Amino acid sequence: MMAYKHLFFDLDHTLWDFRGNSRATLRELHEAHALADDGVPDAEAFIEVYEEINHAMWGQYTNGRMPKEVLRVLRFRNTLRVSV
């Protein structure tokens, strides 16, 4: 087994901008799936709704009230229901 000399934790998001990368990915999804043609005209509003729903569902997951597999599906389904 390989021994590690160093282990880094990015506690303040200086190495990986999760929020920025997540938003860029959601913008790409909005465009790639032509959501504007399906009644979700504003990518930024879509992202705001997604982040609110996703945050609430991660709270449910953390508290043991929702399995991760369900979270992964419902956060998008619920976002699309609210956004349309």
Protein backbone atom coordinates (compact mmCIF):
# COMPACT_ATOMS: atom_id res chain seq x y z
CA MET A 1 0.00 0.00 0.00
CA MET A 2 1.26 3.46 -0.92
CA ALA A 3 1.91 5.82 1.99
CA TYR A 4 0.72 9.38 1.48
CA LYS A 5 2.96 12.22 2.59
CA HIS A 6 0.34 14.95 2.31
CA LEU A 7 -3.44 15.16 2.34
CA PHE A 8 -5.18 18.40 1.38
CA PHE A 9 -8.70 19.47 2.29
CA ASP A 10 -10.33 22.34 0.45
CA LEU A 11 -12.46 23.62 3.33
CA ASP A 12 -12.80 27.15 1.99
CA HIS A 13 -13.28 26.26 -1.70
CA THR A 14 -10.01 27.84 -2.83
CA LEU A 15 -8.91 24.85 -4.90
CA TRP A 16 -12.30 23.87 -6.31
CA ASP A 17 -15.14 26.34 -6.84
CA PHE A 18 -18.00 23.89 -6.43
CA ARG A 19 -20.74 26.52 -6.64
CA GLY A 20 -19.27 28.15 -9.75
CA ASN A 21 -18.72 24.82 -11.47
CA SER A 22 -22.19 23.62 -10.52
CA ARG A 23 -23.78 26.76 -11.95
CA ALA A 24 -21.77 26.48 -15.17
CA THR A 25 -22.91 22.87 -15.54
CA LEU A 26 -26.55 23.80 -14.96
CA ARG A 27 -26.27 26.53 -17.62
CA GLU A 28 -24.85 23.95 -20.02
CA LEU A 29 -27.71 21.55 -19.20
CA HIS A 30 -30.24 24.32 -19.77
CA GLU A 31 -28.79 24.97 -23.21
CA ALA A 32 -28.05 21.36 -24.20
CA HIS A 33 -31.58 20.23 -23.39
CA ALA A 34 -33.17 23.35 -24.93
CA LEU A 35 -35.12 24.03 -21.75
CA ALA A 36 -36.02 27.49 -23.05
CA ASP A 37 -38.09 25.74 -25.75
CA ASP A 38 -39.84 23.69 -23.06
CA GLY A 39 -41.00 26.60 -20.90
CA VAL A 40 -37.89 27.31 -18.81
CA PRO A 41 -36.73 30.50 -20.51
CA ASP A 42 -34.29 31.86 -17.93
CA ALA A 43 -31.23 29.76 -17.04
CA GLU A 44 -30.38 31.95 -14.04
CA ALA A 45 -33.87 31.59 -12.54
CA PHE A 46 -33.67 27.84 -13.19
CA ILE A 47 -30.37 27.72 -11.29
CA GLU A 48 -31.79 29.67 -8.34
CA VAL A 49 -34.76 27.30 -8.06
CA TYR A 50 -32.48 24.27 -8.38
CA GLU A 51 -30.12 25.52 -5.65
CA GLU A 52 -32.99 26.16 -3.23
CA ILE A 53 -34.56 22.75 -3.83
CA ASN A 54 -31.21 20.95 -3.81
CA HIS A 55 -30.20 22.57 -0.51
CA ALA A 56 -33.48 21.57 1.16
CA MET A 57 -33.21 18.01 -0.11
CA TRP A 58 -29.61 17.64 1.06
CA GLY A 59 -30.91 18.63 4.50
CA GLN A 60 -33.44 15.81 4.31
CA TYR A 61 -30.72 13.41 3.18
CA THR A 62 -28.40 14.50 6.00
CA ASN A 63 -31.18 13.93 8.52
CA GLY A 64 -31.81 10.43 7.17
CA ARG A 65 -35.22 11.27 5.69
CA MET A 66 -34.28 10.74 2.04
CA PRO A 67 -31.93 8.32 0.31
CA LYS A 68 -29.33 9.83 -2.03
CA GLU A 69 -30.77 7.98 -5.04
CA VAL A 70 -34.13 9.72 -4.51
CA LEU A 71 -32.45 13.10 -3.98
CA ARG A 72 -30.61 12.77 -7.30
CA VAL A 73 -33.89 12.38 -9.19
CA LEU A 74 -36.26 14.62 -7.24
CA ARG A 75 -34.04 17.70 -7.18
CA PHE A 76 -34.24 17.95 -10.98
CA ARG A 77 -37.86 16.84 -11.28
CA ASN A 78 -39.01 19.32 -8.66
CA THR A 79 -36.92 22.10 -10.16
CA LEU A 80 -38.48 21.55 -13.58
CA ARG A 81 -41.98 21.45 -12.09
CA VAL A 82 -41.45 24.81 -10.37
CA SER A 83 -39.60 26.41 -13.29
CA VAL A 84 -42.16 25.62 -15.99
